[in-house]
Amino acid sequence: MAQFTHYIETSPDVEIAVTVHYDYSPAERMTWNHPGCSDSVDVYQIDTHKLGRLTTADEFESIKEAALDHAHKQIEAREADAEDRRYERRRERRERGLW
């Protein structure tokens, strides 16, 4: 489960910070036995920090889109970190003459 802070605009000058807890499901390829599916998020909890406010259906959809965007950014960051580590290992091997 992942989480992030999202801001809901309640009026032109007011935004409410909420903490969104969600689970990300990656896309699955179609196979002979499975029709496949696109990636998705399941929002499990929205903390309004004791404001006692419920989200509207439109706000909830916006939160789900933001959660999916957050998941994609997290994946991109992990992939970039992994690529950086591979690059550093190759550079170290070259410097030691192992390449």
PDB file of N, CA and C in Angstrom:
ATOM      1  N   MET A   1       0.844  -1.156   0.000  1.00  0.00           N
ATOM      2  CA  MET A   1       0.000   0.000   0.000  1.00  0.00           C
ATOM      3  C   MET A   1       0.903   1.237   0.000  1.00  0.00           C
ATOM      4  N   ALA A   2       0.508   2.238  -0.751  1.00  0.00           N
ATOM      5  CA  ALA A   2       1.245   3.491  -0.849  1.00  0.00           C
ATOM      6  C   ALA A   2       0.367   4.630  -0.378  1.00  0.00           C
ATOM      7  N   GLN A   3       0.989   5.766  -0.144  1.00  0.00           N
ATOM      8  CA  GLN A   3       0.215   6.931   0.259  1.00  0.00           C
ATOM      9  C   GLN A   3       0.873   8.197  -0.261  1.00  0.00           C
ATOM     10  N   PHE A   4       0.082   9.257  -0.375  1.00  0.00           N
ATOM     11  CA  PHE A   4       0.572  10.560  -0.774  1.00  0.00           C
ATOM     12  C   PHE A   4      -0.419  11.609  -0.320  1.00  0.00           C
ATOM     13  N   THR A   5       0.005  12.877  -0.357  1.00  0.00           N
ATOM     14  CA  THR A   5      -0.867  13.982   0.017  1.00  0.00           C
ATOM     15  C   THR A   5      -1.446  14.600  -1.246  1.00  0.00           C
ATOM     16  N   HIS A   6      -2.736  14.826  -1.228  1.00  0.00           N
ATOM     17  CA  HIS A   6      -3.446  15.415  -2.357  1.00  0.00           C
ATOM     18  C   HIS A   6      -4.212  16.633  -1.840  1.00  0.00           C
ATOM     19  N   TYR A   7      -4.379  17.618  -2.688  1.00  0.00           N
ATOM     20  CA  TYR A   7      -5.070  18.843  -2.285  1.00  0.00           C
ATOM     21  C   TYR A   7      -6.380  18.969  -3.054  1.00  0.00           C
ATOM     22  N   ILE A   8      -7.475  19.140  -2.314  1.00  0.00           N
ATOM     23  CA  ILE A   8      -8.799  19.309  -2.896  1.00  0.00           C
ATOM     24  C   ILE A   8      -9.168  20.774  -2.800  1.00  0.00           C
ATOM     25  N   GLU A   9      -9.506  21.369  -3.938  1.00  0.00           N
ATOM     26  CA  GLU A   9      -9.913  22.769  -3.943  1.00  0.00           C
ATOM     27  C   GLU A   9     -11.396  22.847  -3.602  1.00  0.00           C
ATOM     28  N   THR A  10     -11.697  23.464  -2.457  1.00  0.00           N
ATOM     29  CA  THR A  10     -13.092  23.577  -2.024  1.00  0.00           C
ATOM     30  C   THR A  10     -13.713  24.891  -2.469  1.00  0.00           C
ATOM     31  N   SER A  11     -12.896  25.881  -2.715  1.00  0.00           N
ATOM     32  CA  SER A  11     -13.340  27.168  -3.263  1.00  0.00           C
ATOM     33  C   SER A  11     -12.113  27.777  -3.943  1.00  0.00           C
ATOM     34  N   PRO A  12     -12.281  28.872  -4.671  1.00  0.00           N
ATOM     35  CA  PRO A  12     -11.125  29.427  -5.387  1.00  0.00           C
ATOM     36  C   PRO A  12      -9.913  29.745  -4.507  1.00  0.00           C
ATOM     37  N   ASP A  13     -10.137  30.010  -3.241  1.00  0.00           N
ATOM     38  CA  ASP A  13      -9.032  30.387  -2.365  1.00  0.00           C
ATOM     39  C   ASP A  13      -8.679  29.351  -1.308  1.00  0.00           C
ATOM     40  N   VAL A  14      -9.411  28.244  -1.244  1.00  0.00           N
ATOM     41  CA  VAL A  14      -9.216  27.276  -0.164  1.00  0.00           C
ATOM     42  C   VAL A  14      -8.942  25.887  -0.739  1.00  0.00           C
ATOM     43  N   GLU A  15      -7.862  25.261  -0.223  1.00  0.00           N
ATOM     44  CA  GLU A  15      -7.551  23.886  -0.553  1.00  0.00           C
ATOM     45  C   GLU A  15      -7.449  23.088   0.729  1.00  0.00           C
ATOM     46  N   ILE A  16      -7.906  21.847   0.681  1.00  0.00           N
ATOM     47  CA  ILE A  16      -7.821  20.952   1.824  1.00  0.00           C
ATOM     48  C   ILE A  16      -6.807  19.864   1.482  1.00  0.00           C
ATOM     49  N   ALA A  17      -5.848  19.646   2.380  1.00  0.00           N
ATOM     50  CA  ALA A  17      -4.879  18.567   2.194  1.00  0.00           C
ATOM     51  C   ALA A  17      -5.467  17.276   2.747  1.00  0.00           C
ATOM     52  N   VAL A  18      -5.425  16.231   1.950  1.00  0.00           N
ATOM     53  CA  VAL A  18      -5.872  14.908   2.389  1.00  0.00           C
ATOM     54  C   VAL A  18      -4.748  13.914   2.108  1.00  0.00           C
ATOM     55  N   THR A  19      -4.658  12.910   2.953  1.00  0.00           N
ATOM     56  CA  THR A  19      -3.695  11.837   2.740  1.00  0.00           C
ATOM     57  C   THR A  19      -4.441  10.658   2.134  1.00  0.00           C
ATOM     58  N   VAL A  20      -3.963  10.210   0.986  1.00  0.00           N
ATOM     59  CA  VAL A  20      -4.623   9.142   0.241  1.00  0.00           C
ATOM     60  C   VAL A  20      -3.808   7.859   0.383  1.00  0.00           C
ATOM     61  N   HIS A  21      -4.461   6.785   0.801  1.00  0.00           N
ATOM     62  CA  HIS A  21      -3.838   5.465   0.907  1.00  0.00           C
ATOM     63  C   HIS A  21      -4.424   4.612  -0.210  1.00  0.00           C
ATOM     64  N   TYR A  22      -3.545   4.015  -1.003  1.00  0.00           N
ATOM     65  CA  TYR A  22      -4.040   3.256  -2.158  1.00  0.00           C
ATOM     66  C   TYR A  22      -3.148   2.056  -2.443  1.00  0.00           C
ATOM     67  N   ASP A  23      -3.655   1.175  -3.268  1.00  0.00           N
ATOM     68  CA  ASP A  23      -2.916   0.007  -3.737  1.00  0.00           C
ATOM     69  C   ASP A  23      -2.912   0.051  -5.252  1.00  0.00           C
ATOM     70  N   TYR A  24      -1.757  -0.175  -5.861  1.00  0.00           N
ATOM     71  CA  TYR A  24      -1.604  -0.123  -7.311  1.00  0.00           C
ATOM     72  C   TYR A  24      -1.571  -1.526  -7.878  1.00  0.00           C
ATOM     73  N   SER A  25      -2.317  -1.740  -8.957  1.00  0.00           N
ATOM     74  CA  SER A  25      -2.303  -3.014  -9.688  1.00  0.00           C
ATOM     75  C   SER A  25      -1.798  -2.744 -11.097  1.00  0.00           C
ATOM     76  N   PRO A  26      -0.657  -3.329 -11.466  1.00  0.00           N
ATOM     77  CA  PRO A  26      -0.123  -3.076 -12.808  1.00  0.00           C
ATOM     78  C   PRO A  26      -0.983  -3.721 -13.895  1.00  0.00           C
ATOM     79  N   ALA A  27      -0.788  -3.260 -15.094  1.00  0.00           N
ATOM     80  CA  ALA A  27      -1.509  -3.828 -16.242  1.00  0.00           C
ATOM     81  C   ALA A  27      -1.073  -5.279 -16.444  1.00  0.00           C
ATOM     82  N   GLU A  28      -1.970  -6.067 -16.981  1.00  0.00           N
ATOM     83  CA  GLU A  28      -1.664  -7.463 -17.289  1.00  0.00           C
ATOM     84  C   GLU A  28      -1.931  -7.702 -18.768  1.00  0.00           C
ATOM     85  N   ARG A  29      -1.031  -8.425 -19.394  1.00  0.00           N
ATOM     86  CA  ARG A  29      -1.170  -8.731 -20.809  1.00  0.00           C
ATOM     87  C   ARG A  29      -2.272  -9.757 -21.040  1.00  0.00           C
ATOM     88  N   MET A  30      -2.846  -9.672 -22.206  1.00  0.00           N
ATOM     89  CA  MET A  30      -3.849 -10.648 -22.585  1.00  0.00           C
ATOM     90  C   MET A  30      -3.152 -11.972 -22.916  1.00  0.00           C
ATOM     91  N   THR A  31      -3.727 -13.060 -22.448  1.00  0.00           N
ATOM     92  CA  THR A  31      -3.215 -14.399 -22.764  1.00  0.00           C
ATOM     93  C   THR A  31      -4.385 -15.237 -23.262  1.00  0.00           C
ATOM     94  N   TRP A  32      -4.098 -16.484 -23.563  1.00  0.00           N
ATOM     95  CA  TRP A  32      -5.169 -17.377 -24.009  1.00  0.00           C
ATOM     96  C   TRP A  32      -6.227 -17.548 -22.928  1.00  0.00           C
ATOM     97  N   ASN A  33      -5.803 -17.528 -21.669  1.00  0.00           N
ATOM     98  CA  ASN A  33      -6.722 -17.801 -20.559  1.00  0.00           C
ATOM     99  C   ASN A  33      -7.175 -16.559 -19.798  1.00  0.00           C
ATOM    100  N   HIS A  34      -6.657 -15.404 -20.154  1.00  0.00           N
ATOM    101  CA  HIS A  34      -6.963 -14.183 -19.390  1.00  0.00           C
ATOM    102  C   HIS A  34      -7.144 -13.027 -20.370  1.00  0.00           C
ATOM    103  N   PRO A  35      -8.203 -12.239 -20.218  1.00  0.00           N
ATOM    104  CA  PRO A  35      -8.449 -11.159 -21.170  1.00  0.00           C
ATOM    105  C   PRO A  35      -7.494  -9.963 -21.014  1.00  0.00           C
ATOM    106  N   GLY A  36      -6.708  -9.947 -19.921  1.00  0.00           N
ATOM    107  CA  GLY A  36      -5.816  -8.817 -19.679  1.00  0.00           C
ATOM    108  C   GLY A  36      -6.574  -7.661 -19.048  1.00  0.00           C
ATOM    109  N   CYS A  37      -5.839  -6.679 -18.575  1.00  0.00           N
ATOM    110  CA  CYS A  37      -6.467  -5.506 -17.980  1.00  0.00           C
ATOM    111  C   CYS A  37      -5.466  -4.358 -17.932  1.00  0.00           C
ATOM    112  N   SER A  38      -5.985  -3.152 -17.814  1.00  0.00           N
ATOM    113  CA  SER A  38      -5.120  -1.985 -17.696  1.00  0.00           C
ATOM    114  C   SER A  38      -4.744  -1.797 -16.224  1.00  0.00           C
ATOM    115  N   ASP A  39      -3.747  -0.964 -15.987  1.00  0.00           N
ATOM    116  CA  ASP A  39      -3.368  -0.723 -14.603  1.00  0.00           C
ATOM    117  C   ASP A  39      -4.452   0.078 -13.894  1.00  0.00           C
ATOM    118  N   SER A  40      -4.494  -0.069 -12.567  1.00  0.00           N
ATOM    119  CA  SER A  40      -5.545   0.592 -11.798  1.00  0.00           C
ATOM    120  C   SER A  40      -5.077   0.826 -10.370  1.00  0.00           C
ATOM    121  N   VAL A  41      -5.833   1.630  -9.660  1.00  0.00           N
ATOM    122  CA  VAL A  41      -5.585   1.853  -8.242  1.00  0.00           C
ATOM    123  C   VAL A  41      -6.868   1.595  -7.470  1.00  0.00           C
ATOM    124  N   ASP A  42      -6.708   1.121  -6.253  1.00  0.00           N
ATOM    125  CA  ASP A  42      -7.818   0.976  -5.311  1.00  0.00           C
ATOM    126  C   ASP A  42      -7.518   1.897  -4.147  1.00  0.00           C
ATOM    127  N   VAL A  43      -8.346   2.913  -3.971  1.00  0.00           N
ATOM    128  CA  VAL A  43      -8.175   3.849  -2.858  1.00  0.00           C
ATOM    129  C   VAL A  43      -8.843   3.230  -1.644  1.00  0.00           C
ATOM    130  N   TYR A  44      -8.046   2.986  -0.590  1.00  0.00           N
ATOM    131  CA  TYR A  44      -8.569   2.347   0.608  1.00  0.00           C
ATOM    132  C   TYR A  44      -8.975   3.332   1.691  1.00  0.00           C
ATOM    133  N   GLN A  45      -8.289   4.456   1.748  1.00  0.00           N
ATOM    134  CA  GLN A  45      -8.566   5.386   2.837  1.00  0.00           C
ATOM    135  C   GLN A  45      -8.180   6.791   2.397  1.00  0.00           C
ATOM    136  N   ILE A  46      -8.988   7.760   2.810  1.00  0.00           N
ATOM    137  CA  ILE A  46      -8.688   9.173   2.580  1.00  0.00           C
ATOM    138  C   ILE A  46      -8.764   9.862   3.937  1.00  0.00           C
ATOM    139  N   ASP A  47      -7.605  10.280   4.449  1.00  0.00           N
ATOM    140  CA  ASP A  47      -7.560  10.967   5.738  1.00  0.00           C
ATOM    141  C   ASP A  47      -7.750  12.457   5.513  1.00  0.00           C
ATOM    142  N   THR A  48      -8.776  13.015   6.127  1.00  0.00           N
ATOM    143  CA  THR A  48      -9.045  14.449   5.990  1.00  0.00           C
ATOM    144  C   THR A  48      -8.471  15.244   7.159  1.00  0.00           C
ATOM    145  N   HIS A  49      -7.663  14.601   7.993  1.00  0.00           N
ATOM    146  CA  HIS A  49      -6.983  15.266   9.107  1.00  0.00           C
ATOM    147  C   HIS A  49      -7.975  15.943  10.051  1.00  0.00           C
ATOM    148  N   LYS A  50      -8.978  15.176  10.451  1.00  0.00           N
ATOM    149  CA  LYS A  50      -9.983  15.582  11.439  1.00  0.00           C
ATOM    150  C   LYS A  50     -10.851  16.759  10.994  1.00  0.00           C
ATOM    151  N   LEU A  51     -11.011  16.938   9.699  1.00  0.00           N
ATOM    152  CA  LEU A  51     -11.891  18.004   9.222  1.00  0.00           C
ATOM    153  C   LEU A  51     -13.348  17.558   9.181  1.00  0.00           C
ATOM    154  N   GLY A  52     -13.580  16.256   9.272  1.00  0.00           N
ATOM    155  CA  GLY A  52     -14.935  15.744   9.270  1.00  0.00           C
ATOM    156  C   GLY A  52     -15.665  15.989   7.958  1.00  0.00           C
ATOM    157  N   ARG A  53     -14.950  15.921   6.878  1.00  0.00           N
ATOM    158  CA  ARG A  53     -15.539  16.220   5.565  1.00  0.00           C
ATOM    159  C   ARG A  53     -15.472  14.976   4.692  1.00  0.00           C
ATOM    160  N   LEU A  54     -16.548  14.677   3.974  1.00  0.00           N
ATOM    161  CA  LEU A  54     -16.565  13.576   3.018  1.00  0.00           C
ATOM    162  C   LEU A  54     -16.255  14.112   1.632  1.00  0.00           C
ATOM    163  N   THR A  55     -15.664  13.271   0.803  1.00  0.00           N
ATOM    164  CA  THR A  55     -15.361  13.691  -0.567  1.00  0.00           C
ATOM    165  C   THR A  55     -16.562  13.432  -1.463  1.00  0.00           C
ATOM    166  N   THR A  56     -16.733  14.273  -2.467  1.00  0.00           N
ATOM    167  CA  THR A  56     -17.801  14.076  -3.449  1.00  0.00           C
ATOM    168  C   THR A  56     -17.346  13.044  -4.470  1.00  0.00           C
ATOM    169  N   ALA A  57     -18.246  12.605  -5.317  1.00  0.00           N
ATOM    170  CA  ALA A  57     -17.910  11.626  -6.354  1.00  0.00           C
ATOM    171  C   ALA A  57     -16.867  12.200  -7.315  1.00  0.00           C
ATOM    172  N   ASP A  58     -17.005  13.479  -7.686  1.00  0.00           N
ATOM    173  CA  ASP A  58     -16.023  14.104  -8.583  1.00  0.00           C
ATOM    174  C   ASP A  58     -14.655  14.203  -7.917  1.00  0.00           C
ATOM    175  N   GLU A  59     -14.641  14.568  -6.646  1.00  0.00           N
ATOM    176  CA  GLU A  59     -13.367  14.653  -5.920  1.00  0.00           C
ATOM    177  C   GLU A  59     -12.729  13.273  -5.807  1.00  0.00           C
ATOM    178  N   PHE A  60     -13.547  12.250  -5.571  1.00  0.00           N
ATOM    179  CA  PHE A  60     -13.023  10.891  -5.463  1.00  0.00           C
ATOM    180  C   PHE A  60     -12.396  10.447  -6.783  1.00  0.00           C
ATOM    181  N   GLU A  61     -13.035  10.747  -7.897  1.00  0.00           N
ATOM    182  CA  GLU A  61     -12.461  10.402  -9.205  1.00  0.00           C
ATOM    183  C   GLU A  61     -11.140  11.144  -9.428  1.00  0.00           C
ATOM    184  N   SER A  62     -11.097  12.403  -9.028  1.00  0.00           N
ATOM    185  CA  SER A  62      -9.869  13.183  -9.132  1.00  0.00           C
ATOM    186  C   SER A  62      -8.763  12.573  -8.271  1.00  0.00           C
ATOM    187  N   ILE A  63      -9.129  12.107  -7.085  1.00  0.00           N
ATOM    188  CA  ILE A  63      -8.165  11.466  -6.192  1.00  0.00           C
ATOM    189  C   ILE A  63      -7.653  10.170  -6.804  1.00  0.00           C
ATOM    190  N   LYS A  64      -8.549   9.380  -7.412  1.00  0.00           N
ATOM    191  CA  LYS A  64      -8.110   8.135  -8.066  1.00  0.00           C
ATOM    192  C   LYS A  64      -7.145   8.414  -9.209  1.00  0.00           C
ATOM    193  N   GLU A  65      -7.427   9.452 -10.004  1.00  0.00           N
ATOM    194  CA  GLU A  65      -6.513   9.827 -11.089  1.00  0.00           C
ATOM    195  C   GLU A  65      -5.165  10.270 -10.532  1.00  0.00           C
ATOM    196  N   ALA A  66      -5.191  11.043  -9.455  1.00  0.00           N
ATOM    197  CA  ALA A  66      -3.948  11.498  -8.831  1.00  0.00           C
ATOM    198  C   ALA A  66      -3.168  10.318  -8.263  1.00  0.00           C
ATOM    199  N   ALA A  67      -3.869   9.330  -7.700  1.00  0.00           N
ATOM    200  CA  ALA A  67      -3.201   8.140  -7.167  1.00  0.00           C
ATOM    201  C   ALA A  67      -2.536   7.343  -8.278  1.00  0.00           C
ATOM    202  N   LEU A  68      -3.209   7.204  -9.417  1.00  0.00           N
ATOM    203  CA  LEU A  68      -2.619   6.491 -10.545  1.00  0.00           C
ATOM    204  C   LEU A  68      -1.396   7.245 -11.070  1.00  0.00           C
ATOM    205  N   ASP A  69      -1.488   8.556 -11.148  1.00  0.00           N
ATOM    206  CA  ASP A  69      -0.353   9.375 -11.563  1.00  0.00           C
ATOM    207  C   ASP A  69       0.800   9.236 -10.567  1.00  0.00           C
ATOM    208  N   HIS A  70       0.485   9.231  -9.279  1.00  0.00           N
ATOM    209  CA  HIS A  70       1.513   9.053  -8.253  1.00  0.00           C
ATOM    210  C   HIS A  70       2.197   7.700  -8.408  1.00  0.00           C
ATOM    211  N   ALA A  71       1.421   6.654  -8.645  1.00  0.00           N
ATOM    212  CA  ALA A  71       1.988   5.312  -8.839  1.00  0.00           C
ATOM    213  C   ALA A  71       2.921   5.287 -10.047  1.00  0.00           C
ATOM    214  N   HIS A  72       2.517   5.912 -11.144  1.00  0.00           N
ATOM    215  CA  HIS A  72       3.368   5.953 -12.342  1.00  0.00           C
ATOM    216  C   HIS A  72       4.674   6.688 -12.059  1.00  0.00           C
ATOM    217  N   LYS A  73       4.606   7.790 -11.322  1.00  0.00           N
ATOM    218  CA  LYS A  73       5.825   8.534 -10.986  1.00  0.00           C
ATOM    219  C   LYS A  73       6.742   7.716 -10.091  1.00  0.00           C
ATOM    220  N   GLN A  74       6.179   6.966  -9.168  1.00  0.00           N
ATOM    221  CA  GLN A  74       6.981   6.116  -8.297  1.00  0.00           C
ATOM    222  C   GLN A  74       7.695   5.031  -9.110  1.00  0.00           C
ATOM    223  N   ILE A  75       6.995   4.449 -10.066  1.00  0.00           N
ATOM    224  CA  ILE A  75       7.596   3.420 -10.922  1.00  0.00           C
ATOM    225  C   ILE A  75       8.721   4.019 -11.752  1.00  0.00           C
ATOM    226  N   GLU A  76       8.491   5.189 -12.340  1.00  0.00           N
ATOM    227  CA  GLU A  76       9.526   5.854 -13.128  1.00  0.00           C
ATOM    228  C   GLU A  76      10.751   6.160 -12.277  1.00  0.00           C
ATOM    229  N   ALA A  77      10.543   6.612 -11.053  1.00  0.00           N
ATOM    230  CA  ALA A  77      11.660   6.928 -10.162  1.00  0.00           C
ATOM    231  C   ALA A  77      12.454   5.665  -9.819  1.00  0.00           C
ATOM    232  N   ARG A  78      11.766   4.545  -9.534  1.00  0.00           N
ATOM    233  CA  ARG A  78      12.464   3.290  -9.242  1.00  0.00           C
ATOM    234  C   ARG A  78      13.260   2.814 -10.442  1.00  0.00           C
ATOM    235  N   GLU A  79      12.671   2.934 -11.646  1.00  0.00           N
ATOM    236  CA  GLU A  79      13.387   2.520 -12.854  1.00  0.00           C
ATOM    237  C   GLU A  79      14.607   3.395 -13.103  1.00  0.00           C
ATOM    238  N   ALA A  80      14.484   4.703 -12.856  1.00  0.00           N
ATOM    239  CA  ALA A  80      15.623   5.607 -13.033  1.00  0.00           C
ATOM    240  C   ALA A  80      16.718   5.289 -12.024  1.00  0.00           C
ATOM    241  N   ASP A  81      16.339   4.996 -10.785  1.00  0.00           N
ATOM    242  CA  ASP A  81      17.330   4.627  -9.768  1.00  0.00           C
ATOM    243  C   ASP A  81      18.046   3.339 -10.148  1.00  0.00           C
ATOM    244  N   ALA A  82      17.298   2.367 -10.643  1.00  0.00           N
ATOM    245  CA  ALA A  82      17.905   1.097 -11.052  1.00  0.00           C
ATOM    246  C   ALA A  82      18.877   1.322 -12.209  1.00  0.00           C
ATOM    247  N   GLU A  83      18.502   2.163 -13.167  1.00  0.00           N
ATOM    248  CA  GLU A  83      19.390   2.459 -14.287  1.00  0.00           C
ATOM    249  C   GLU A  83      20.650   3.167 -13.804  1.00  0.00           C
ATOM    250  N   ASP A  84      20.510   4.081 -12.849  1.00  0.00           N
ATOM    251  CA  ASP A  84      21.678   4.766 -12.286  1.00  0.00           C
ATOM    252  C   ASP A  84      22.616   3.778 -11.607  1.00  0.00           C
ATOM    253  N   ARG A  85      22.053   2.830 -10.860  1.00  0.00           N
ATOM    254  CA  ARG A  85      22.898   1.820 -10.205  1.00  0.00           C
ATOM    255  C   ARG A  85      23.612   0.945 -11.231  1.00  0.00           C
ATOM    256  N   ARG A  86      22.917   0.553 -12.310  1.00  0.00           N
ATOM    257  CA  ARG A  86      23.571  -0.246 -13.362  1.00  0.00           C
ATOM    258  C   ARG A  86      24.704   0.539 -14.013  1.00  0.00           C
ATOM    259  N   TYR A  87      24.471   1.812 -14.268  1.00  0.00           N
ATOM    260  CA  TYR A  87      25.496   2.660 -14.868  1.00  0.00           C
ATOM    261  C   TYR A  87      26.718   2.744 -13.948  1.00  0.00           C
ATOM    262  N   GLU A  88      26.491   2.941 -12.662  1.00  0.00           N
ATOM    263  CA  GLU A  88      27.604   3.039 -11.711  1.00  0.00           C
ATOM    264  C   GLU A  88      28.386   1.734 -11.643  1.00  0.00           C
ATOM    265  N   ARG A  89      27.707   0.594 -11.663  1.00  0.00           N
ATOM    266  CA  ARG A  89      28.411  -0.693 -11.643  1.00  0.00           C
ATOM    267  C   ARG A  89      29.263  -0.870 -12.896  1.00  0.00           C
ATOM    268  N   ARG A  90      28.713  -0.486 -14.065  1.00  0.00           N
ATOM    269  CA  ARG A  90      29.502  -0.588 -15.307  1.00  0.00           C
ATOM    270  C   ARG A  90      30.718   0.320 -15.245  1.00  0.00           C
ATOM    271  N   ARG A  91      30.538   1.543 -14.733  1.00  0.00           N
ATOM    272  CA  ARG A  91      31.645   2.490 -14.636  1.00  0.00           C
ATOM    273  C   ARG A  91      32.727   1.957 -13.693  1.00  0.00           C
ATOM    274  N   GLU A  92      32.321   1.386 -12.561  1.00  0.00           N
ATOM    275  CA  GLU A  92      33.284   0.835 -11.610  1.00  0.00           C
ATOM    276  C   GLU A  92      34.056  -0.335 -12.214  1.00  0.00           C
ATOM    277  N   ARG A  93      33.370  -1.194 -12.978  1.00  0.00           N
ATOM    278  CA  ARG A  93      34.054  -2.316 -13.625  1.00  0.00           C
ATOM    279  C   ARG A  93      35.073  -1.820 -14.644  1.00  0.00           C
ATOM    280  N   ARG A  94      34.697  -0.785 -15.403  1.00  0.00           N
ATOM    281  CA  ARG A  94      35.639  -0.220 -16.370  1.00  0.00           C
ATOM    282  C   ARG A  94      36.862   0.350 -15.682  1.00  0.00           C
ATOM    283  N   GLU A  95      36.662   1.041 -14.582  1.00  0.00           N
ATOM    284  CA  GLU A  95      37.776   1.657 -13.849  1.00  0.00           C
ATOM    285  C   GLU A  95      38.713   0.610 -13.279  1.00  0.00           C
ATOM    286  N   ARG A  96      38.165  -0.543 -12.902  1.00  0.00           N
ATOM    287  CA  ARG A  96      39.001  -1.626 -12.357  1.00  0.00           C
ATOM    288  C   ARG A  96      39.598  -2.495 -13.450  1.00  0.00           C
ATOM    289  N   GLY A  97      39.246  -2.211 -14.688  1.00  0.00           N
ATOM    290  CA  GLY A  97      39.784  -2.987 -15.801  1.00  0.00           C
ATOM    291  C   GLY A  97      39.100  -4.327 -15.998  1.00  0.00           C
ATOM    292  N   LEU A  98      37.895  -4.470 -15.473  1.00  0.00           N
ATOM    293  CA  LEU A  98      37.166  -5.719 -15.608  1.00  0.00           C
ATOM    294  C   LEU A  98      36.264  -5.739 -16.824  1.00  0.00           C
ATOM    295  N   TRP A  99      36.226  -4.690 -17.566  1.00  0.00           N
ATOM    296  CA  TRP A  99      35.306  -4.557 -18.695  1.00  0.00           C
ATOM    297  C   TRP A  99      35.928  -4.996 -19.973  1.00  0.00           C
TER     298      TRP A  99
END
